[in-house]
N, C-alpha and C. Protein backbone atom coordinates (compact mmCIF):
# COMPACT_ATOMS: atom_id res chain seq x y z
N MET A 1 100.15 26.93 12.61
CA MET A 1 101.32 26.49 13.62
C MET A 1 101.91 28.05 12.36
N THR A 2 101.96 29.17 12.44
CA THR A 2 102.99 29.85 11.99
C THR A 2 104.11 29.92 13.04
N ASP A 3 104.29 29.90 14.39
CA ASP A 3 105.29 30.13 14.87
C ASP A 3 106.51 28.76 15.10
N ALA A 4 105.78 28.07 14.55
CA ALA A 4 106.89 26.28 14.68
C ALA A 4 108.46 26.99 14.19
N PRO A 5 108.74 26.25 14.44
CA PRO A 5 110.49 26.49 14.07
C PRO A 5 110.67 25.52 12.71
N PHE A 6 110.54 24.71 12.65
CA PHE A 6 110.08 24.18 10.53
C PHE A 6 109.21 24.71 10.15
N PRO A 7 108.86 23.84 9.29
CA PRO A 7 108.06 24.50 7.58
C PRO A 7 107.00 23.42 8.29
N ALA A 8 105.23 23.39 7.82
CA ALA A 8 104.04 22.33 8.18
C ALA A 8 104.85 21.35 7.56
N SER A 9 105.33 21.28 6.11
CA SER A 9 105.48 20.07 5.98
C SER A 9 106.43 18.93 6.13
N GLN A 10 107.22 19.48 7.35
CA GLN A 10 108.21 18.95 8.08
C GLN A 10 106.76 18.55 10.38
N ASP A 11 105.72 18.85 9.52
CA ASP A 11 105.44 18.62 11.26
C ASP A 11 104.79 17.28 11.47
N SER A 12 105.17 16.39 11.00
CA SER A 12 104.17 15.33 11.50
C SER A 12 104.78 14.57 12.43
N GLY A 13 104.12 14.24 13.62
CA GLY A 13 104.54 14.18 15.01
C GLY A 13 105.89 12.93 15.05
N ALA A 14 105.90 12.17 13.95
CA ALA A 14 107.97 11.80 13.79
C ALA A 14 108.72 12.26 13.50
N ASN A 15 108.16 13.49 12.61
CA ASN A 15 109.37 14.26 12.10
C ASN A 15 109.58 15.12 12.86
N ARG A 16 108.91 15.34 14.16
CA ARG A 16 108.98 16.69 14.51
C ARG A 16 109.99 16.49 16.04
N LEU A 17 109.09 14.50 16.52
CA LEU A 17 110.53 13.54 17.12
C LEU A 17 112.25 13.75 16.62
N LEU A 18 112.26 13.50 15.56
CA LEU A 18 113.34 13.92 14.93
C LEU A 18 114.04 14.81 14.99
N LEU A 19 113.31 15.64 14.18
CA LEU A 19 113.87 16.99 14.28
C LEU A 19 114.50 17.45 15.57
N GLY A 20 113.58 17.37 16.54
CA GLY A 20 113.53 17.18 18.17
C GLY A 20 114.55 17.29 18.84
N LEU A 21 115.14 15.34 18.80
CA LEU A 21 116.37 14.77 19.29
C LEU A 21 117.42 14.97 18.37
N ALA A 22 117.63 15.41 16.96
CA ALA A 22 118.60 16.34 16.46
C ALA A 22 119.22 17.27 16.53
N THR A 23 117.94 18.86 16.89
CA THR A 23 118.48 20.25 17.35
C THR A 23 118.53 20.39 19.23
N LEU A 24 118.36 18.97 19.48
CA LEU A 24 118.34 19.33 20.72
C LEU A 24 117.98 20.05 20.93
N GLY A 25 116.08 19.89 20.77
CA GLY A 25 114.95 20.75 20.95
C GLY A 25 115.53 22.10 20.87
N PRO A 26 115.26 23.09 21.76
CA PRO A 26 114.83 24.45 21.47
C PRO A 26 117.20 25.09 20.92
N LEU A 27 117.64 24.40 21.26
CA LEU A 27 119.23 24.44 21.37
C LEU A 27 119.73 24.79 20.44
N GLY A 28 119.54 23.88 18.89
CA GLY A 28 119.43 23.51 17.80
C GLY A 28 118.80 24.70 17.14
N THR A 29 117.70 25.42 17.30
CA THR A 29 116.71 25.69 16.49
C THR A 29 116.46 27.93 16.74
N CYS A 30 117.20 27.98 18.82
CA CYS A 30 116.90 29.25 18.78
C CYS A 30 117.73 30.33 19.56
N CYS A 31 119.49 29.11 19.48
CA CYS A 31 119.99 29.70 20.23
C CYS A 31 121.07 30.42 18.76
N PRO A 32 121.81 31.73 19.32
CA PRO A 32 123.13 31.59 18.62
C PRO A 32 123.97 30.78 18.56
N ALA A 33 124.71 30.47 17.31
CA ALA A 33 125.94 29.48 17.83
C ALA A 33 125.50 28.67 18.12
N PRO A 34 124.75 27.73 17.21
CA PRO A 34 123.98 26.97 17.96
C PRO A 34 125.11 25.19 18.22
N GLY A 35 125.69 25.35 17.25
CA GLY A 35 127.11 24.31 17.40
C GLY A 35 127.52 24.62 18.89
N THR A 36 128.13 25.98 19.00
CA THR A 36 129.25 25.86 20.72
C THR A 36 127.59 25.41 21.71
N PHE A 37 126.02 25.82 21.37
CA PHE A 37 125.03 25.16 22.49
C PHE A 37 125.53 23.94 22.76
N GLY A 38 125.43 23.26 21.93
CA GLY A 38 125.32 21.66 21.33
C GLY A 38 126.59 21.08 22.55
N SER A 39 127.50 21.86 21.85
CA SER A 39 128.94 21.29 22.90
C SER A 39 128.91 21.23 23.84
N LEU A 40 128.42 22.90 24.61
CA LEU A 40 128.71 23.35 26.23
C LEU A 40 127.38 22.31 26.47
N ALA A 41 126.05 21.83 26.27
CA ALA A 41 125.42 21.27 26.30
C ALA A 41 126.03 19.49 26.86
N GLY A 42 126.74 18.86 25.58
CA GLY A 42 127.31 17.74 25.79
C GLY A 42 128.95 18.40 27.34
N ALA A 43 129.56 18.93 26.94
CA ALA A 43 130.53 19.29 28.14
C ALA A 43 129.50 18.93 29.45
N LEU A 44 128.65 19.42 29.97
CA LEU A 44 127.43 19.72 30.84
C LEU A 44 126.97 17.98 31.36
N ALA A 45 126.78 17.93 30.54
CA ALA A 45 126.01 16.49 30.22
C ALA A 45 126.62 15.04 31.15
N PHE A 46 128.34 15.05 30.59
CA PHE A 46 129.82 14.49 31.01
C PHE A 46 130.19 15.27 32.14
N LEU A 47 130.43 16.74 32.50
CA LEU A 47 130.35 16.47 33.57
C LEU A 47 129.44 16.55 34.95
N ALA A 48 127.99 16.43 34.71
CA ALA A 48 127.28 15.87 35.88
C ALA A 48 127.48 14.55 35.54
N LEU A 49 127.60 13.67 34.88
CA LEU A 49 127.34 12.28 35.14
C LEU A 49 129.17 11.90 35.92
N VAL A 50 129.63 12.74 35.40
CA VAL A 50 131.21 12.64 36.38
C VAL A 50 131.13 12.83 37.50
N GLU A 51 130.51 13.49 37.59
CA GLU A 51 130.26 14.48 39.62
C GLU A 51 129.46 13.64 40.10
N TRP A 52 128.21 12.81 39.67
CA TRP A 52 126.75 12.48 40.65
C TRP A 52 126.55 11.16 40.22
N SER A 53 126.32 10.92 39.14
CA SER A 53 126.09 9.47 38.63
C SER A 53 126.43 8.50 39.46
N HIS A 54 128.24 8.18 39.58
CA HIS A 54 128.89 7.39 40.45
C HIS A 54 129.13 5.87 39.56
N LEU A 55 129.37 6.83 38.18
CA LEU A 55 129.33 5.46 37.13
C LEU A 55 131.04 5.78 37.15
N PRO A 56 131.63 4.50 36.63
CA PRO A 56 133.21 5.09 35.78
C PRO A 56 133.41 5.67 34.95
N THR A 57 134.50 6.71 34.73
CA THR A 57 134.14 7.69 33.34
C THR A 57 134.04 6.44 32.12
N SER A 58 135.00 5.47 32.06
CA SER A 58 134.95 5.15 30.91
C SER A 58 133.59 4.31 30.56
N LEU A 59 132.47 4.30 31.53
CA LEU A 59 131.61 3.67 31.12
C LEU A 59 130.70 4.70 30.28
N ILE A 60 130.64 6.02 31.38
CA ILE A 60 129.91 7.19 30.67
C ILE A 60 130.42 7.74 29.19
N LEU A 61 132.11 7.51 29.06
CA LEU A 61 132.24 7.71 27.64
C LEU A 61 131.82 6.62 26.58
N TRP A 62 131.29 5.42 27.52
CA TRP A 62 131.59 4.66 25.88
C TRP A 62 130.41 4.79 26.32
N GLY A 63 129.44 5.22 26.24
CA GLY A 63 127.57 5.53 26.73
C GLY A 63 127.44 6.99 25.36
N PHE A 64 128.63 7.71 25.09
CA PHE A 64 128.30 8.86 24.46
C PHE A 64 128.62 8.16 23.22
N THR A 65 129.42 7.27 23.06
CA THR A 65 130.48 6.70 21.76
C THR A 65 129.27 5.70 21.37
N LEU A 66 128.41 5.20 22.45
CA LEU A 66 127.49 4.24 21.66
C LEU A 66 125.86 5.86 21.41
N LEU A 67 126.31 6.56 22.00
CA LEU A 67 125.11 7.24 21.96
C LEU A 67 125.35 8.56 19.72
N ALA A 68 127.20 8.20 19.83
CA ALA A 68 127.63 8.87 18.70
C ALA A 68 127.40 8.02 17.59
N PHE A 69 127.37 6.40 17.68
CA PHE A 69 126.73 5.90 16.33
C PHE A 69 125.47 6.17 16.50
N LEU A 70 124.31 6.14 17.06
CA LEU A 70 122.95 6.02 16.96
C LEU A 70 122.52 7.05 16.73
N ALA A 71 123.43 8.47 16.38
CA ALA A 71 123.57 10.10 15.80
C ALA A 71 123.88 9.79 14.29
N ILE A 72 123.93 8.73 14.01
CA ILE A 72 124.64 8.82 12.14
C ILE A 72 123.29 9.10 11.82
N PRO A 73 122.11 7.51 11.94
CA PRO A 73 121.33 7.49 11.53
C PRO A 73 120.20 8.81 12.09
N LEU A 74 120.32 9.01 13.15
CA LEU A 74 119.15 10.61 13.75
C LEU A 74 119.88 11.77 12.49
N CYS A 75 120.85 12.28 12.37
CA CYS A 75 121.13 13.10 11.45
C CYS A 75 121.22 12.95 10.13
N SER A 76 121.14 11.17 9.25
CA SER A 76 120.89 11.16 8.09
C SER A 76 119.15 11.60 8.08
N ALA A 77 118.28 11.66 8.68
CA ALA A 77 116.76 11.54 9.05
C ALA A 77 116.53 13.00 9.00
N ALA A 78 117.41 13.82 9.86
CA ALA A 78 117.40 15.08 10.01
C ALA A 78 117.66 16.04 9.07
N GLU A 79 118.45 15.73 7.81
CA GLU A 79 118.88 15.86 6.83
C GLU A 79 118.07 15.98 5.72
N ARG A 80 117.34 14.31 5.46
CA ARG A 80 116.30 14.30 4.42
C ARG A 80 114.90 15.54 4.86
N ILE A 81 114.37 15.59 6.31
CA ILE A 81 113.49 15.76 6.28
C ILE A 81 113.49 17.81 6.04
N LEU A 82 115.03 17.84 6.42
CA LEU A 82 114.92 20.18 6.38
C LEU A 82 115.53 19.73 5.08
N CYS A 83 116.26 18.96 3.97
CA CYS A 83 116.33 19.06 2.86
C CYS A 83 117.52 20.16 2.85
N LYS A 84 118.38 19.71 3.60
CA LYS A 84 119.83 20.38 3.72
C LYS A 84 120.96 19.26 3.76
N ARG A 85 122.19 19.60 3.28
CA ARG A 85 123.47 19.31 3.84
C ARG A 85 123.61 19.88 5.10
N ASP A 86 124.18 19.05 5.96
CA ASP A 86 124.56 19.55 7.36
C ASP A 86 124.28 20.99 7.77
N PRO A 87 122.72 20.71 8.64
CA PRO A 87 122.44 22.16 8.63
C PRO A 87 122.95 22.29 9.95
N GLY A 88 123.18 23.89 10.14
CA GLY A 88 123.06 24.31 11.18
C GLY A 88 123.00 24.15 12.92
N GLU A 89 121.79 24.01 12.77
CA GLU A 89 120.57 23.66 13.99
C GLU A 89 120.44 22.20 14.21
N ILE A 90 121.66 21.42 13.90
CA ILE A 90 121.80 19.83 13.83
C ILE A 90 123.00 20.07 15.00
N ILE A 91 122.62 19.75 15.87
CA ILE A 91 123.65 19.79 16.99
C ILE A 91 123.63 17.93 17.92
N ILE A 92 123.08 17.22 18.06
CA ILE A 92 122.79 16.32 17.98
C ILE A 92 124.92 15.59 18.01
N ASP A 93 125.44 16.05 16.86
CA ASP A 93 126.59 15.35 16.24
C ASP A 93 127.26 16.04 17.47
N GLU A 94 127.49 17.58 18.05
CA GLU A 94 128.16 18.33 19.22
C GLU A 94 128.16 17.93 20.61
N PHE A 95 126.67 17.74 20.53
CA PHE A 95 126.73 17.15 21.72
C PHE A 95 127.44 15.68 22.62
N VAL A 96 127.20 14.71 21.15
CA VAL A 96 127.81 12.94 21.57
C VAL A 96 129.43 13.36 21.50
N ALA A 97 130.16 13.80 20.16
CA ALA A 97 131.53 13.77 20.26
C ALA A 97 131.60 15.03 21.31
N MET A 98 131.37 15.95 21.89
CA MET A 98 132.18 17.09 23.02
C MET A 98 132.64 15.73 24.01
N PRO A 99 132.18 14.68 24.86
CA PRO A 99 132.29 13.96 25.66
C PRO A 99 134.06 13.55 25.21
N LEU A 100 133.49 12.69 24.06
CA LEU A 100 135.10 12.01 23.54
C LEU A 100 136.17 13.04 23.79
N VAL A 101 136.59 13.79 24.17
CA VAL A 101 137.61 14.80 23.64
C VAL A 101 138.30 13.60 25.21
N PHE A 102 137.79 13.68 26.40
CA PHE A 102 138.02 13.49 27.59
C PHE A 102 138.75 11.69 27.55
N TRP A 103 138.30 10.78 26.69
CA TRP A 103 139.03 9.95 26.65
C TRP A 103 140.54 9.82 27.20
N GLY A 104 141.09 10.23 26.55
CA GLY A 104 143.02 10.60 27.39
C GLY A 104 142.97 10.81 28.55
N VAL A 105 142.03 11.12 29.24
CA VAL A 105 142.26 12.44 30.35
C VAL A 105 141.43 11.69 31.60
N SER A 106 140.44 10.29 31.17
CA SER A 106 139.50 10.31 32.40
C SER A 106 140.13 9.54 33.49
N ASP A 107 141.27 9.63 33.47
CA ASP A 107 141.97 8.55 34.90
C ASP A 107 142.36 10.40 35.08
N THR A 108 143.03 10.76 34.97
CA THR A 108 142.65 12.21 36.15
C THR A 108 141.16 12.69 36.48
N LEU A 109 139.90 12.71 35.28
CA LEU A 109 139.08 13.20 35.60
C LEU A 109 138.62 12.77 36.80
N THR A 110 138.78 10.77 37.50
CA THR A 110 138.42 10.02 38.37
C THR A 110 139.60 10.64 39.80
N SER A 111 140.52 10.71 39.06
CA SER A 111 141.45 10.86 40.71
C SER A 111 141.05 12.69 40.51
N THR A 112 141.09 13.00 40.17
CA THR A 112 141.52 14.76 40.55
C THR A 112 140.19 15.13 41.89
N GLU A 113 140.35 14.92 42.61
CA GLU A 113 139.25 15.40 44.05
C GLU A 113 138.38 16.64 43.43
N GLY A 114 138.52 17.73 43.50
CA GLY A 114 138.93 19.54 43.57
C GLY A 114 137.32 19.97 41.90
N THR A 115 136.70 19.87 42.46
CA THR A 115 136.30 20.26 40.75
C THR A 115 136.45 21.27 40.83
N LEU A 116 136.67 22.23 41.02
CA LEU A 116 138.07 23.10 40.20
C LEU A 116 138.99 22.36 39.35
N GLU A 117 139.33 21.55 39.67
CA GLU A 117 140.35 20.93 38.34
C GLU A 117 139.76 20.10 37.69
N LYS A 118 138.76 19.34 38.04
CA LYS A 118 137.47 18.96 36.93
C LYS A 118 136.92 20.24 35.44
N LEU A 119 136.87 20.98 36.41
CA LEU A 119 135.88 22.22 35.33
C LEU A 119 137.11 22.95 34.57
N THR A 120 138.41 22.92 35.01
CA THR A 120 139.30 23.29 34.04
C THR A 120 139.32 22.66 33.04
N LEU A 121 139.65 20.98 33.43
CA LEU A 121 139.92 20.31 32.25
C LEU A 121 138.97 19.98 31.46
N THR A 122 137.27 20.11 32.06
CA THR A 122 136.79 20.14 31.50
C THR A 122 136.23 21.23 29.96
N CYS A 123 136.27 22.72 30.45
CA CYS A 123 136.92 24.00 29.82
C CYS A 123 137.99 23.53 29.02
N ALA A 124 138.72 22.63 29.37
CA ALA A 124 140.59 23.13 28.70
C ALA A 124 139.26 22.47 26.52
N GLY A 125 138.81 21.15 27.58
CA GLY A 125 138.48 20.31 26.08
C GLY A 125 137.22 20.90 25.55
N PHE A 126 136.63 21.78 26.19
CA PHE A 126 135.31 22.55 25.57
C PHE A 126 135.96 24.03 24.30
N VAL A 127 136.87 24.54 25.07
CA VAL A 127 137.50 25.27 23.88
C VAL A 127 138.45 24.52 23.01
N LEU A 128 139.95 23.83 22.83
CA LEU A 128 140.12 22.49 22.86
C LEU A 128 139.25 21.68 21.07
N PHE A 129 137.97 21.60 21.43
CA PHE A 129 136.81 21.28 20.76
C PHE A 129 136.48 21.52 19.91
N ARG A 130 135.41 22.61 20.22
CA ARG A 130 135.56 23.90 19.15
C ARG A 130 136.47 25.11 18.15
N ILE A 131 137.54 24.73 18.82
CA ILE A 131 138.89 25.27 18.34
C ILE A 131 138.74 23.95 16.63
N PHE A 132 138.94 23.12 17.41
CA PHE A 132 139.35 21.82 15.66
C PHE A 132 137.37 21.91 14.87
N ASP A 133 136.13 21.93 16.20
CA ASP A 133 135.28 21.47 15.19
C ASP A 133 134.93 22.58 14.14
N ILE A 134 135.77 24.19 14.21
CA ILE A 134 135.23 25.21 13.55
C ILE A 134 136.17 25.16 12.18
N TRP A 135 137.54 25.07 13.33
CA TRP A 135 138.80 25.38 11.31
C TRP A 135 138.65 24.15 11.11
N LYS A 136 137.92 23.01 11.00
CA LYS A 136 138.63 21.73 10.64
C LYS A 136 140.15 21.55 10.44
N PRO A 137 141.10 21.43 10.84
CA PRO A 137 142.06 21.39 10.42
C PRO A 137 142.44 19.91 9.99
N LEU A 138 143.55 20.06 9.42
CA LEU A 138 143.92 18.66 9.35
C LEU A 138 143.11 17.37 8.93
N GLY A 139 142.67 18.01 7.77
CA GLY A 139 141.56 16.61 6.83
C GLY A 139 140.04 16.51 7.50
N ILE A 140 140.31 17.63 9.00
CA ILE A 140 138.70 17.24 9.76
C ILE A 140 137.94 17.64 8.34
N ASN A 141 138.01 18.40 8.12
CA ASN A 141 137.24 18.90 6.98
C ASN A 141 135.92 17.94 5.79
N ARG A 142 137.33 17.34 5.70
CA ARG A 142 137.45 15.64 4.59
C ARG A 142 136.30 14.93 4.59
N LEU A 143 136.01 14.68 6.35
CA LEU A 143 135.18 13.53 6.94
C LEU A 143 133.73 13.80 6.23
N GLN A 144 133.89 15.97 5.94
CA GLN A 144 132.24 16.57 5.72
C GLN A 144 132.18 15.31 4.42
N THR A 145 132.91 15.17 4.02
CA THR A 145 132.21 14.66 2.80
C THR A 145 131.68 13.54 2.66
N LEU A 146 131.69 12.94 3.55
CA LEU A 146 130.86 11.30 3.77
C LEU A 146 129.78 11.16 3.78
N PRO A 147 128.96 10.60 3.36
CA PRO A 147 127.92 10.65 3.25
C PRO A 147 126.20 10.84 4.59
N LYS A 148 125.49 11.36 3.62
CA LYS A 148 124.33 11.76 4.94
C LYS A 148 124.70 12.06 6.21
N GLY A 149 124.32 11.56 7.13
CA GLY A 149 124.64 11.53 8.47
C GLY A 149 125.69 11.46 9.48
N LEU A 150 126.36 10.55 8.41
CA LEU A 150 128.08 10.16 8.51
C LEU A 150 128.74 10.84 8.46
N GLY A 151 128.62 11.78 7.71
CA GLY A 151 129.39 13.43 7.32
C GLY A 151 129.71 14.13 8.57
N VAL A 152 127.92 13.81 9.08
CA VAL A 152 127.22 15.40 10.04
C VAL A 152 128.68 14.77 11.12
N VAL A 153 128.48 13.38 11.54
CA VAL A 153 129.12 12.82 12.69
C VAL A 153 130.65 12.81 12.76
N VAL A 154 130.62 12.35 11.78
CA VAL A 154 132.29 11.49 11.80
C VAL A 154 133.20 12.97 11.98
N ASP A 155 132.95 13.97 11.06
CA ASP A 155 133.95 15.14 11.00
C ASP A 155 134.13 15.81 12.98
N ASP A 156 132.85 16.13 13.16
CA ASP A 156 132.79 16.15 14.53
C ASP A 156 133.45 15.20 15.82
N LEU A 157 133.32 13.48 15.52
CA LEU A 157 134.66 12.22 16.10
C LEU A 157 136.37 13.12 15.71
N GLY A 158 136.38 13.33 14.24
CA GLY A 158 137.46 13.97 14.36
C GLY A 158 137.96 14.91 14.99
N ALA A 159 137.55 16.32 14.98
CA ALA A 159 137.98 17.52 16.12
C ALA A 159 137.74 16.70 17.52
N ALA A 160 136.95 15.52 17.90
CA ALA A 160 137.14 15.44 19.56
C ALA A 160 138.85 14.58 19.42
N PHE A 161 138.71 14.16 18.84
CA PHE A 161 139.81 12.93 18.53
C PHE A 161 140.91 14.02 18.81
N ALA A 162 141.67 15.29 18.02
CA ALA A 162 142.46 15.81 17.63
C ALA A 162 142.41 16.78 19.26
N ALA A 163 141.44 17.18 19.39
CA ALA A 163 141.30 18.01 21.36
C ALA A 163 141.87 17.34 21.69
N GLY A 164 140.81 15.74 21.64
CA GLY A 164 141.16 15.36 23.20
C GLY A 164 142.94 14.88 23.21
N LEU A 165 143.64 14.53 22.00
CA LEU A 165 145.36 14.49 22.01
C LEU A 165 146.03 15.70 21.89
N CYS A 166 145.34 16.64 21.77
CA CYS A 166 145.63 17.97 22.58
C CYS A 166 145.83 17.94 24.09
N LEU A 167 144.37 17.64 24.74
CA LEU A 167 144.36 17.41 26.14
C LEU A 167 144.89 17.22 26.60
N TRP A 168 145.75 15.66 26.11
CA TRP A 168 146.26 14.66 27.07
C TRP A 168 147.64 15.05 26.64
N ILE A 169 148.22 15.14 25.51
CA ILE A 169 149.98 15.98 26.08
C ILE A 169 149.72 16.56 27.08
N PHE A 170 148.70 18.32 27.06
CA PHE A 170 149.13 18.94 27.75
C PHE A 170 148.55 18.81 29.28
N ALA A 171 147.48 18.06 29.11
CA ALA A 171 147.66 17.53 30.64
C ALA A 171 148.84 16.43 31.64
C-alpha cells in the first residue's frame, strides 16, 4: 500500500475510518490549503441544506453544533493516530465550525428569497471565517492550547463566533 495517504501503521480499518472522517476523505490529504477546502465544504453543505432540505435554518445550525461536539473526540483520535498536534489534514473542525458563522443572520438567510443574496451572505461569512481562522486574533490562538481535540475544534469555534459577530454587524 505505497499509495496510501497515511503510513501502514495507521492502516487498520478503524483507524482508516477515523482518519477518513477527520480529513473528509481526500479533501484533507490531497487538496492544497486543506483548511480552506474543509471550510468551503462546510459552507456548501450548509447552503445546500438551507436551500433544499426544507428544514428550519436553526435546526440545521443545531445539527452542525452537535457535529462540532462529536468532532472533538474524532480529532483527538486522529491526532493520536497521526502522532501530530493539530495536523493540517484534519479538517472536520473547519467543516463543522464554518456554518456556525450564520447563527446571527439565520433569519436573513431564511427570509431572503433570492439565491444571489444567500450566496453573497454565505461568501461573506466564508471569507470572514477564513480570516479569523488563519490569523487567529482576539485570543483565538490561545484556544489551540487546549488539550487534544478540544483545542483543534474550539479555536475554529472561536473563529466562527468572531466571524459571525462581524457578519451580524455588517448584515
